[in-house]
Amino acid sequence: MLTSLLGTPRLGRLAEAEQVDATNAYPLAEYLADLKTDVWGAPTGGAAPDANRRMLQRVYIERLAAIINPPPAGGDPAAAPPQGPPTTPPPFVAAPNVPRSDLPALARAQLRQIRDEARRAAGTSAGAVVRAHWQDIADRVDDVLEAKRR
């Protein structure tokens, strides 16, 4: 499900809709913030994530990482362009040019927020597994953000 919700085709359509009709469009930044809240919860508390929620959160990091550091061609089925003769596609059909779009910047911003929240949660979590999860999330985000610099 997260592959679809965070797929570049969907995110590109949201960004394009915002350009075409900003008044009625669901802003991309708001969409991502809402999705983050659904997956991670409120930043100031809540119950410790169970095993399923922890796995979902790891997948969320992986999906944002794929936006920032896309896999080699053919590696991301959610971002695969349609096959066929080259034509000028109608609006909302063309795959976004991710590196030139706002998508990597928005993904990096979310990852920084997640990392900072995970670091705070790691310091206040009571259970060893949950504390390890938050430390792992912070480390995974650091790895994603540092990957381009290597």
C-alpha atoms as a PDB file:
ATOM      1  CA  MET A   1       0.000   0.000   0.000  1.00  0.00           C
ATOM      2  CA  LEU A   2       2.793   2.445   0.845  1.00  0.00           C
ATOM      3  CA  THR A   3       4.411   1.732  -2.515  1.00  0.00           C
ATOM      4  CA  SER A   4       1.273   3.072  -4.152  1.00  0.00           C
ATOM      5  CA  LEU A   5       0.728   5.959  -1.722  1.00  0.00           C
ATOM      6  CA  LEU A   6       4.344   7.114  -1.997  1.00  0.00           C
ATOM      7  CA  GLY A   7       4.848   6.143  -5.642  1.00  0.00           C
ATOM      8  CA  THR A   8       6.263   8.848  -7.873  1.00  0.00           C
ATOM      9  CA  PRO A   9       3.367   8.595 -10.355  1.00  0.00           C
ATOM     10  CA  ARG A  10       0.843   9.479  -7.626  1.00  0.00           C
ATOM     11  CA  LEU A  11       3.045  12.169  -6.111  1.00  0.00           C
ATOM     12  CA  GLY A  12       3.674  13.626  -9.557  1.00  0.00           C
ATOM     13  CA  ARG A  13      -0.072  13.815 -10.256  1.00  0.00           C
ATOM     14  CA  LEU A  14      -0.642  15.588  -6.944  1.00  0.00           C
ATOM     15  CA  ALA A  15       2.089  18.111  -7.763  1.00  0.00           C
ATOM     16  CA  GLU A  16       0.694  18.629 -11.261  1.00  0.00           C
ATOM     17  CA  ALA A  17      -2.839  19.085  -9.931  1.00  0.00           C
ATOM     18  CA  GLU A  18      -1.530  21.743  -7.572  1.00  0.00           C
ATOM     19  CA  GLN A  19       0.062  23.571 -10.522  1.00  0.00           C
ATOM     20  CA  VAL A  20      -3.107  23.356 -12.620  1.00  0.00           C
ATOM     21  CA  ASP A  21      -5.676  24.242  -9.927  1.00  0.00           C
ATOM     22  CA  ALA A  22      -4.018  25.297  -6.670  1.00  0.00           C
ATOM     23  CA  THR A  23      -7.331  26.325  -5.116  1.00  0.00           C
ATOM     24  CA  ASN A  24      -8.946  22.893  -5.333  1.00  0.00           C
ATOM     25  CA  ALA A  25      -5.919  20.600  -5.313  1.00  0.00           C
ATOM     26  CA  TYR A  26      -4.706  18.546  -2.371  1.00  0.00           C
ATOM     27  CA  PRO A  27      -1.279  20.179  -1.851  1.00  0.00           C
ATOM     28  CA  LEU A  28       1.560  17.702  -2.102  1.00  0.00           C
ATOM     29  CA  ALA A  29       3.203  18.909   1.105  1.00  0.00           C
ATOM     30  CA  GLU A  30      -0.107  18.539   2.978  1.00  0.00           C
ATOM     31  CA  TYR A  31      -0.662  15.053   1.515  1.00  0.00           C
ATOM     32  CA  LEU A  32       2.779  13.947   2.677  1.00  0.00           C
ATOM     33  CA  ALA A  33       2.269  15.476   6.120  1.00  0.00           C
ATOM     34  CA  ASP A  34      -1.095  13.697   6.487  1.00  0.00           C
ATOM     35  CA  LEU A  35       0.385  10.388   5.361  1.00  0.00           C
ATOM     36  CA  LYS A  36       3.299  10.791   7.782  1.00  0.00           C
ATOM     37  CA  THR A  37       0.891  11.432  10.652  1.00  0.00           C
ATOM     38  CA  ASP A  38      -1.095   8.315   9.745  1.00  0.00           C
ATOM     39  CA  VAL A  39       2.009   6.116   9.722  1.00  0.00           C
ATOM     40  CA  TRP A  40       4.011   7.666  12.559  1.00  0.00           C
ATOM     41  CA  GLY A  41       1.341   9.196  14.781  1.00  0.00           C
ATOM     42  CA  ALA A  42       1.529  12.507  16.541  1.00  0.00           C
ATOM     43  CA  PRO A  43       5.100  13.621  17.182  1.00  0.00           C
ATOM     44  CA  THR A  44       4.480  14.311  20.865  1.00  0.00           C
ATOM     45  CA  GLY A  45       3.423  10.919  22.085  1.00  0.00           C
ATOM     46  CA  GLY A  46       1.031   8.094  21.783  1.00  0.00           C
ATOM     47  CA  ALA A  47       1.388   4.401  22.365  1.00  0.00           C
ATOM     48  CA  ALA A  48       4.618   2.594  21.553  1.00  0.00           C
ATOM     49  CA  PRO A  49       4.449   1.105  18.052  1.00  0.00           C
ATOM     50  CA  ASP A  50       3.722  -2.619  17.863  1.00  0.00           C
ATOM     51  CA  ALA A  51       5.637  -4.992  15.557  1.00  0.00           C
ATOM     52  CA  ASN A  52       3.341  -4.320  12.583  1.00  0.00           C
ATOM     53  CA  ARG A  53       3.571  -0.541  13.001  1.00  0.00           C
ATOM     54  CA  ARG A  54       7.366  -0.754  13.301  1.00  0.00           C
ATOM     55  CA  MET A  55       7.541  -2.709  10.033  1.00  0.00           C
ATOM     56  CA  LEU A  56       5.247  -0.161   8.332  1.00  0.00           C
ATOM     57  CA  GLN A  57       7.493   2.644   9.526  1.00  0.00           C
ATOM     58  CA  ARG A  58      10.571   0.920   8.082  1.00  0.00           C
ATOM     59  CA  VAL A  59       8.819   0.527   4.739  1.00  0.00           C
ATOM     60  CA  TYR A  60       7.896   4.225   4.841  1.00  0.00           C
ATOM     61  CA  ILE A  61      11.597   5.075   5.184  1.00  0.00           C
ATOM     62  CA  GLU A  62      12.401   2.759   2.247  1.00  0.00           C
ATOM     63  CA  ARG A  63       9.786   4.447   0.042  1.00  0.00           C
ATOM     64  CA  LEU A  64      11.107   7.927   0.817  1.00  0.00           C
ATOM     65  CA  ALA A  65      14.624   6.633   0.165  1.00  0.00           C
ATOM     66  CA  ALA A  66      13.520   5.447  -3.290  1.00  0.00           C
ATOM     67  CA  ILE A  67      12.417   9.006  -4.092  1.00  0.00           C
ATOM     68  CA  ILE A  68      15.718  10.510  -2.988  1.00  0.00           C
ATOM     69  CA  ASN A  69      17.997   7.758  -4.289  1.00  0.00           C
ATOM     70  CA  PRO A  70      16.025   6.008  -7.027  1.00  0.00           C
ATOM     71  CA  PRO A  71      16.968   2.427  -7.802  1.00  0.00           C
ATOM     72  CA  PRO A  72      18.530   1.643 -11.191  1.00  0.00           C
ATOM     73  CA  ALA A  73      16.168   1.709 -14.168  1.00  0.00           C
ATOM     74  CA  GLY A  74      13.532  -0.977 -13.866  1.00  0.00           C
ATOM     75  CA  GLY A  75      14.034  -1.265 -10.106  1.00  0.00           C
ATOM     76  CA  ASP A  76      10.924   0.631  -8.969  1.00  0.00           C
ATOM     77  CA  PRO A  77       7.732  -0.845 -10.445  1.00  0.00           C
ATOM     78  CA  ALA A  78       5.646   2.043  -9.063  1.00  0.00           C
ATOM     79  CA  ALA A  79       7.695   4.536 -11.082  1.00  0.00           C
ATOM     80  CA  ALA A  80       8.017   2.565 -14.329  1.00  0.00           C
ATOM     81  CA  PRO A  81       7.060   4.644 -17.363  1.00  0.00           C
ATOM     82  CA  PRO A  82       4.456   3.196 -19.713  1.00  0.00           C
ATOM     83  CA  GLN A  83       5.855   1.293 -22.674  1.00  0.00           C
ATOM     84  CA  GLY A  84       5.040   2.187 -26.262  1.00  0.00           C
ATOM     85  CA  PRO A  85       5.913   4.703 -28.936  1.00  0.00           C
ATOM     86  CA  PRO A  86       7.078   8.105 -27.719  1.00  0.00           C
ATOM     87  CA  THR A  87       4.238  10.603 -27.647  1.00  0.00           C
ATOM     88  CA  THR A  88       3.370  13.712 -25.713  1.00  0.00           C
ATOM     89  CA  PRO A  89       1.134  12.425 -22.941  1.00  0.00           C
ATOM     90  CA  PRO A  90      -1.911  14.346 -21.798  1.00  0.00           C
ATOM     91  CA  PRO A  91      -1.809  16.047 -18.398  1.00  0.00           C
ATOM     92  CA  PHE A  92      -1.624  13.782 -15.325  1.00  0.00           C
ATOM     93  CA  VAL A  93      -0.247  10.864 -17.345  1.00  0.00           C
ATOM     94  CA  ALA A  94       3.421  11.710 -17.798  1.00  0.00           C
ATOM     95  CA  ALA A  95       5.825  10.337 -15.224  1.00  0.00           C
ATOM     96  CA  PRO A  96       7.347  13.167 -13.208  1.00  0.00           C
ATOM     97  CA  ASN A  97      10.967  14.140 -13.647  1.00  0.00           C
ATOM     98  CA  VAL A  98      11.714  13.316 -10.021  1.00  0.00           C
ATOM     99  CA  PRO A  99      15.231  14.785  -9.748  1.00  0.00           C
ATOM    100  CA  ARG A 100      13.977  18.143 -11.065  1.00  0.00           C
ATOM    101  CA  SER A 101      10.803  18.144  -8.997  1.00  0.00           C
ATOM    102  CA  ASP A 102      10.115  19.083  -5.386  1.00  0.00           C
ATOM    103  CA  LEU A 103       9.719  15.408  -4.451  1.00  0.00           C
ATOM    104  CA  PRO A 104      13.297  14.769  -3.236  1.00  0.00           C
ATOM    105  CA  ALA A 105      13.292  17.989  -1.185  1.00  0.00           C
ATOM    106  CA  LEU A 106       9.971  17.128   0.452  1.00  0.00           C
ATOM    107  CA  ALA A 107      11.125  13.552   1.116  1.00  0.00           C
ATOM    108  CA  ARG A 108      14.370  14.803   2.705  1.00  0.00           C
ATOM    109  CA  ALA A 109      12.445  17.259   4.874  1.00  0.00           C
ATOM    110  CA  GLN A 110      10.170  14.470   6.112  1.00  0.00           C
ATOM    111  CA  LEU A 111      13.108  12.189   6.782  1.00  0.00           C
ATOM    112  CA  ARG A 112      14.785  14.885   8.872  1.00  0.00           C
ATOM    113  CA  GLN A 113      11.582  15.316  10.900  1.00  0.00           C
ATOM    114  CA  ILE A 114      11.262  11.553  11.370  1.00  0.00           C
ATOM    115  CA  ARG A 115      14.928  11.279  12.415  1.00  0.00           C
ATOM    116  CA  ASP A 116      14.606  14.073  14.966  1.00  0.00           C
ATOM    117  CA  GLU A 117      11.392  12.605  16.394  1.00  0.00           C
ATOM    118  CA  ALA A 118      12.955   9.123  16.512  1.00  0.00           C
ATOM    119  CA  ARG A 119      15.965  10.427  18.415  1.00  0.00           C
ATOM    120  CA  ARG A 120      13.699  12.077  20.982  1.00  0.00           C
ATOM    121  CA  ALA A 121      11.569   8.925  21.278  1.00  0.00           C
ATOM    122  CA  ALA A 122      14.662   6.732  21.720  1.00  0.00           C
ATOM    123  CA  GLY A 123      15.614   8.760  24.757  1.00  0.00           C
ATOM    124  CA  THR A 124      12.206   8.448  26.404  1.00  0.00           C
ATOM    125  CA  SER A 125      11.077   4.927  25.432  1.00  0.00           C
ATOM    126  CA  ALA A 126      10.745   2.443  28.262  1.00  0.00           C
ATOM    127  CA  GLY A 127      11.071  -0.864  26.409  1.00  0.00           C
ATOM    128  CA  ALA A 128      14.318  -2.141  24.912  1.00  0.00           C
ATOM    129  CA  VAL A 129      12.708  -3.194  21.601  1.00  0.00           C
ATOM    130  CA  VAL A 130      10.961   0.130  21.089  1.00  0.00           C
ATOM    131  CA  ARG A 131      14.077   2.083  22.062  1.00  0.00           C
ATOM    132  CA  ALA A 132      16.107  -0.017  19.590  1.00  0.00           C
ATOM    133  CA  HIS A 133      13.458   0.621  16.917  1.00  0.00           C
ATOM    134  CA  TRP A 134      13.726   4.403  17.305  1.00  0.00           C
ATOM    135  CA  GLN A 135      17.523   4.260  17.261  1.00  0.00           C
ATOM    136  CA  ASP A 136      17.353   2.071  14.141  1.00  0.00           C
ATOM    137  CA  ILE A 137      14.966   4.513  12.438  1.00  0.00           C
ATOM    138  CA  ALA A 138      17.337   7.417  13.136  1.00  0.00           C
ATOM    139  CA  ASP A 139      20.270   5.369  11.759  1.00  0.00           C
ATOM    140  CA  ARG A 140      18.323   4.348   8.645  1.00  0.00           C
ATOM    141  CA  VAL A 141      17.393   7.957   7.932  1.00  0.00           C
ATOM    142  CA  ASP A 142      21.011   9.044   8.361  1.00  0.00           C
ATOM    143  CA  ASP A 143      22.049   6.317   5.890  1.00  0.00           C
ATOM    144  CA  VAL A 144      19.494   7.537   3.325  1.00  0.00           C
ATOM    145  CA  LEU A 145      20.459  11.185   3.692  1.00  0.00           C
ATOM    146  CA  GLU A 146      24.183  10.388   3.479  1.00  0.00           C
ATOM    147  CA  ALA A 147      23.907   7.963   0.497  1.00  0.00           C
ATOM    148  CA  LYS A 148      24.198  10.693  -2.155  1.00  0.00           C
ATOM    149  CA  ARG A 149      27.313  12.133  -0.511  1.00  0.00           C
ATOM    150  CA  ARG A 150      29.267   8.897  -0.723  1.00  0.00           C
END
